N, C-alpha and C. Protein backbone atom coordinates (compact mmCIF):
# COMPACT_ATOMS: atom_id res chain seq x y z
N MET A 1 115.16 101.05 92.78
CA MET A 1 113.78 100.93 92.37
C MET A 1 113.54 101.68 91.07
N GLU A 2 114.21 102.81 90.92
CA GLU A 2 114.04 103.57 89.69
C GLU A 2 114.55 102.80 88.48
N THR A 3 115.59 101.99 88.66
CA THR A 3 116.11 101.20 87.54
C THR A 3 115.12 100.10 87.13
N LEU A 4 114.17 99.78 88.02
CA LEU A 4 113.13 98.80 87.69
C LEU A 4 111.89 99.47 87.11
N GLY A 5 111.95 100.78 86.94
CA GLY A 5 110.84 101.50 86.33
C GLY A 5 109.87 102.13 87.31
N TYR A 6 110.19 102.09 88.58
CA TYR A 6 109.31 102.69 89.58
C TYR A 6 109.66 104.16 89.78
N ALA A 7 108.64 104.98 89.95
CA ALA A 7 108.83 106.36 90.42
C ALA A 7 108.87 106.27 91.94
N VAL A 8 109.93 106.74 92.54
CA VAL A 8 110.12 106.59 93.98
C VAL A 8 109.64 107.83 94.71
N ILE A 9 108.81 107.61 95.72
CA ILE A 9 108.34 108.67 96.60
C ILE A 9 108.66 108.21 98.02
N GLU A 10 109.37 109.03 98.75
CA GLU A 10 109.77 108.68 100.11
C GLU A 10 108.90 109.39 101.13
N ALA A 11 108.84 108.79 102.31
CA ALA A 11 108.13 109.38 103.44
C ALA A 11 109.05 109.31 104.66
N GLU A 12 108.97 110.32 105.51
CA GLU A 12 109.81 110.38 106.70
C GLU A 12 109.39 109.38 107.77
N ASN A 13 108.11 109.01 107.78
CA ASN A 13 107.59 108.10 108.80
C ASN A 13 106.31 107.45 108.29
N GLY A 14 105.76 106.54 109.07
CA GLY A 14 104.56 105.82 108.65
C GLY A 14 103.35 106.72 108.49
N GLU A 15 103.22 107.72 109.34
CA GLU A 15 102.08 108.63 109.24
C GLU A 15 102.11 109.39 107.91
N GLU A 16 103.28 109.89 107.55
CA GLU A 16 103.42 110.58 106.27
C GLU A 16 103.20 109.60 105.11
N GLY A 17 103.69 108.39 105.26
CA GLY A 17 103.49 107.37 104.23
C GLY A 17 102.01 107.07 104.00
N LEU A 18 101.26 106.96 105.08
CA LEU A 18 99.82 106.72 104.96
C LEU A 18 99.12 107.88 104.25
N ALA A 19 99.51 109.10 104.59
CA ALA A 19 98.92 110.27 103.94
C ALA A 19 99.20 110.23 102.44
N ARG A 20 100.41 109.88 102.07
CA ARG A 20 100.75 109.79 100.64
C ARG A 20 99.96 108.68 99.95
N CYS A 21 99.77 107.56 100.65
CA CYS A 21 99.00 106.46 100.06
C CYS A 21 97.53 106.82 99.91
N ARG A 22 96.99 107.56 100.87
CA ARG A 22 95.60 108.00 100.76
C ARG A 22 95.41 108.95 99.58
N ALA A 23 96.41 109.78 99.34
CA ALA A 23 96.33 110.75 98.25
C ALA A 23 96.45 110.08 96.89
N ALA A 24 97.30 109.08 96.77
CA ALA A 24 97.51 108.36 95.51
C ALA A 24 98.11 106.99 95.84
N MET A 25 97.27 105.96 95.81
CA MET A 25 97.72 104.62 96.20
C MET A 25 98.78 104.12 95.21
N PRO A 26 99.95 103.76 95.72
CA PRO A 26 101.02 103.27 94.85
C PRO A 26 100.80 101.80 94.48
N ASP A 27 101.58 101.32 93.54
CA ASP A 27 101.55 99.90 93.18
C ASP A 27 102.36 99.05 94.15
N LEU A 28 103.39 99.67 94.74
CA LEU A 28 104.32 98.95 95.61
C LEU A 28 104.71 99.85 96.78
N VAL A 29 104.76 99.26 97.97
CA VAL A 29 105.24 99.96 99.16
C VAL A 29 106.35 99.11 99.77
N ILE A 30 107.49 99.75 99.98
CA ILE A 30 108.58 99.11 100.71
C ILE A 30 108.71 99.86 102.01
N THR A 31 108.63 99.14 103.12
CA THR A 31 108.62 99.79 104.43
C THR A 31 109.55 99.08 105.39
N ASP A 32 110.03 99.85 106.34
CA ASP A 32 110.82 99.30 107.43
C ASP A 32 109.87 98.96 108.57
N TRP A 33 110.33 98.17 109.50
CA TRP A 33 109.57 97.83 110.69
C TRP A 33 109.74 98.93 111.73
N ASN A 34 110.97 99.37 111.88
CA ASN A 34 111.34 100.33 112.93
C ASN A 34 111.37 101.74 112.35
N MET A 35 110.29 102.48 112.59
CA MET A 35 110.16 103.83 112.06
C MET A 35 109.68 104.76 113.16
N PRO A 36 109.94 106.05 113.00
CA PRO A 36 109.37 107.01 113.96
C PRO A 36 107.86 107.16 113.76
N VAL A 37 107.19 107.62 114.75
CA VAL A 37 105.76 107.93 114.78
C VAL A 37 104.90 106.67 114.88
N MET A 38 105.09 105.71 114.01
CA MET A 38 104.36 104.43 114.08
C MET A 38 105.27 103.32 113.57
N SER A 39 105.06 102.12 114.07
CA SER A 39 105.88 101.00 113.62
C SER A 39 105.44 100.56 112.23
N GLY A 40 106.27 99.78 111.60
CA GLY A 40 105.92 99.22 110.29
C GLY A 40 104.68 98.35 110.37
N ILE A 41 104.53 97.62 111.46
CA ILE A 41 103.33 96.78 111.65
C ILE A 41 102.08 97.66 111.70
N GLU A 42 102.15 98.75 112.46
CA GLU A 42 101.01 99.67 112.54
C GLU A 42 100.74 100.29 111.17
N PHE A 43 101.81 100.65 110.46
CA PHE A 43 101.66 101.23 109.14
C PHE A 43 100.98 100.27 108.17
N VAL A 44 101.46 99.04 108.10
CA VAL A 44 100.90 98.07 107.16
C VAL A 44 99.45 97.75 107.51
N THR A 45 99.16 97.61 108.78
CA THR A 45 97.79 97.34 109.21
C THR A 45 96.86 98.47 108.78
N ALA A 46 97.30 99.71 109.00
CA ALA A 46 96.49 100.88 108.60
C ALA A 46 96.40 100.98 107.08
N LEU A 47 97.47 100.68 106.39
CA LEU A 47 97.46 100.72 104.92
C LEU A 47 96.45 99.73 104.37
N ARG A 48 96.44 98.53 104.90
CA ARG A 48 95.50 97.51 104.42
C ARG A 48 94.05 97.85 104.74
N ALA A 49 93.82 98.75 105.68
CA ALA A 49 92.45 99.18 106.02
C ALA A 49 91.93 100.24 105.07
N ILE A 50 92.79 100.82 104.24
CA ILE A 50 92.37 101.84 103.28
C ILE A 50 91.71 101.14 102.09
N PRO A 51 90.46 101.45 101.79
CA PRO A 51 89.81 100.83 100.63
C PRO A 51 90.56 101.18 99.35
N SER A 52 90.81 100.18 98.53
CA SER A 52 91.54 100.41 97.28
C SER A 52 91.14 99.35 96.26
N ALA A 53 90.85 99.80 95.04
CA ALA A 53 90.52 98.87 93.97
C ALA A 53 91.72 97.99 93.63
N ARG A 54 92.93 98.57 93.77
CA ARG A 54 94.18 97.84 93.51
C ARG A 54 95.12 98.03 94.68
N PRO A 55 94.99 97.20 95.72
CA PRO A 55 95.88 97.34 96.88
C PRO A 55 97.34 97.15 96.45
N PRO A 56 98.24 97.90 97.06
CA PRO A 56 99.65 97.78 96.67
C PRO A 56 100.28 96.50 97.18
N LYS A 57 101.33 96.07 96.52
CA LYS A 57 102.18 95.02 97.06
C LYS A 57 102.99 95.68 98.16
N VAL A 58 103.20 94.97 99.26
CA VAL A 58 103.93 95.52 100.40
C VAL A 58 105.09 94.59 100.75
N VAL A 59 106.28 95.17 100.85
CA VAL A 59 107.48 94.42 101.20
C VAL A 59 108.12 95.08 102.42
N PHE A 60 108.32 94.29 103.47
CA PHE A 60 109.09 94.75 104.62
C PHE A 60 110.57 94.59 104.30
N CYS A 61 111.36 95.62 104.57
CA CYS A 61 112.82 95.57 104.51
C CYS A 61 113.29 95.96 105.90
N THR A 62 113.78 95.00 106.67
CA THR A 62 114.03 95.27 108.08
C THR A 62 115.11 94.37 108.65
N THR A 63 115.62 94.75 109.80
CA THR A 63 116.57 93.92 110.53
C THR A 63 115.87 92.93 111.44
N ASN A 64 114.56 93.07 111.62
CA ASN A 64 113.80 92.14 112.45
C ASN A 64 113.72 90.80 111.70
N SER A 65 114.59 89.87 112.09
CA SER A 65 114.78 88.67 111.28
C SER A 65 114.28 87.38 111.90
N GLY A 66 113.69 87.46 113.07
CA GLY A 66 113.19 86.25 113.70
C GLY A 66 111.96 85.70 113.00
N ALA A 67 111.77 84.41 113.11
CA ALA A 67 110.61 83.76 112.48
C ALA A 67 109.30 84.39 112.96
N LYS A 68 109.21 84.72 114.25
CA LYS A 68 108.00 85.36 114.77
C LYS A 68 107.78 86.72 114.13
N ASP A 69 108.87 87.47 113.91
CA ASP A 69 108.76 88.78 113.27
C ASP A 69 108.24 88.64 111.85
N ILE A 70 108.79 87.69 111.12
CA ILE A 70 108.38 87.48 109.73
C ILE A 70 106.90 87.12 109.68
N HIS A 71 106.47 86.21 110.54
CA HIS A 71 105.05 85.83 110.57
C HIS A 71 104.17 87.01 110.94
N LYS A 72 104.62 87.81 111.91
CA LYS A 72 103.84 88.98 112.33
C LYS A 72 103.72 89.98 111.18
N GLY A 73 104.80 90.19 110.43
CA GLY A 73 104.76 91.10 109.28
C GLY A 73 103.81 90.63 108.20
N ILE A 74 103.85 89.35 107.90
CA ILE A 74 102.96 88.79 106.88
C ILE A 74 101.51 88.85 107.36
N GLU A 75 101.30 88.52 108.63
CA GLU A 75 99.93 88.58 109.19
C GLU A 75 99.38 90.01 109.17
N ALA A 76 100.24 91.00 109.32
CA ALA A 76 99.79 92.40 109.29
C ALA A 76 99.37 92.83 107.88
N GLY A 77 99.83 92.08 106.87
CA GLY A 77 99.42 92.41 105.51
C GLY A 77 100.54 92.54 104.51
N ALA A 78 101.78 92.32 104.93
CA ALA A 78 102.89 92.38 103.97
C ALA A 78 102.82 91.19 103.03
N ASP A 79 103.23 91.40 101.81
CA ASP A 79 103.27 90.33 100.82
C ASP A 79 104.60 89.58 100.84
N GLU A 80 105.65 90.28 101.26
CA GLU A 80 106.99 89.69 101.24
C GLU A 80 107.83 90.38 102.30
N TYR A 81 108.98 89.80 102.56
CA TYR A 81 109.83 90.23 103.66
C TYR A 81 111.28 90.04 103.24
N VAL A 82 112.10 91.06 103.35
CA VAL A 82 113.52 90.93 103.04
C VAL A 82 114.31 91.49 104.24
N ILE A 83 115.33 90.76 104.63
CA ILE A 83 116.08 91.10 105.84
C ILE A 83 117.33 91.90 105.50
N LYS A 84 117.53 93.01 106.23
CA LYS A 84 118.71 93.84 106.07
C LYS A 84 119.90 93.17 106.74
N PRO A 85 121.08 93.32 106.23
CA PRO A 85 121.38 93.95 104.95
C PRO A 85 121.02 93.01 103.81
N PHE A 86 120.66 93.57 102.69
CA PHE A 86 120.31 92.77 101.51
C PHE A 86 120.96 93.42 100.31
N ASP A 87 121.04 92.65 99.23
CA ASP A 87 121.59 93.21 98.00
C ASP A 87 120.46 93.33 96.97
N GLU A 88 120.78 93.91 95.85
CA GLU A 88 119.77 94.15 94.82
C GLU A 88 119.14 92.84 94.35
N ALA A 89 119.93 91.78 94.23
CA ALA A 89 119.40 90.49 93.77
C ALA A 89 118.36 89.93 94.75
N ALA A 90 118.61 90.08 96.05
CA ALA A 90 117.66 89.58 97.05
C ALA A 90 116.34 90.36 96.97
N LEU A 91 116.44 91.67 96.84
CA LEU A 91 115.23 92.49 96.74
C LEU A 91 114.48 92.16 95.45
N LEU A 92 115.19 92.06 94.35
CA LEU A 92 114.56 91.75 93.07
C LEU A 92 113.85 90.40 93.13
N SER A 93 114.46 89.43 93.78
CA SER A 93 113.84 88.11 93.93
C SER A 93 112.52 88.20 94.67
N ARG A 94 112.49 88.99 95.75
CA ARG A 94 111.26 89.16 96.54
C ARG A 94 110.20 89.88 95.71
N LEU A 95 110.61 90.90 94.98
CA LEU A 95 109.66 91.63 94.14
C LEU A 95 109.09 90.75 93.04
N GLN A 96 109.92 89.90 92.47
CA GLN A 96 109.45 88.96 91.44
C GLN A 96 108.47 87.97 92.04
N SER A 97 108.70 87.54 93.27
CA SER A 97 107.82 86.55 93.89
C SER A 97 106.41 87.08 94.12
N VAL A 98 106.25 88.41 94.20
CA VAL A 98 104.92 88.99 94.40
C VAL A 98 104.41 89.68 93.13
N GLY A 99 105.14 89.49 92.02
CA GLY A 99 104.69 90.06 90.75
C GLY A 99 104.91 91.55 90.64
N ALA A 100 105.91 92.08 91.34
CA ALA A 100 106.15 93.51 91.31
C ALA A 100 107.44 93.88 90.59
N ALA A 101 108.03 92.93 89.89
CA ALA A 101 109.27 93.24 89.12
C ALA A 101 109.25 92.52 87.79
């Protein structure tokens, strides 16, 4: 992500990620589905509930690869979805599709 010009800030879990987003809303959030404290679905739903003049682009990067999972992630508010394992080209393609690269 840094090679694409992004300043990377990591969070240990969804709760910490939400706190960081409330403090300074990023342009892009990449999240996993399976996280401690709260799931990625819970995180994205809560993130989308935070008022923001410029909501971030959200990309799920996860092993949850079923069609139902993908639909659930998008319905929760994700803009794109990439399945692990993935390579840089796959991630870049997803970021380009949402205007984040």
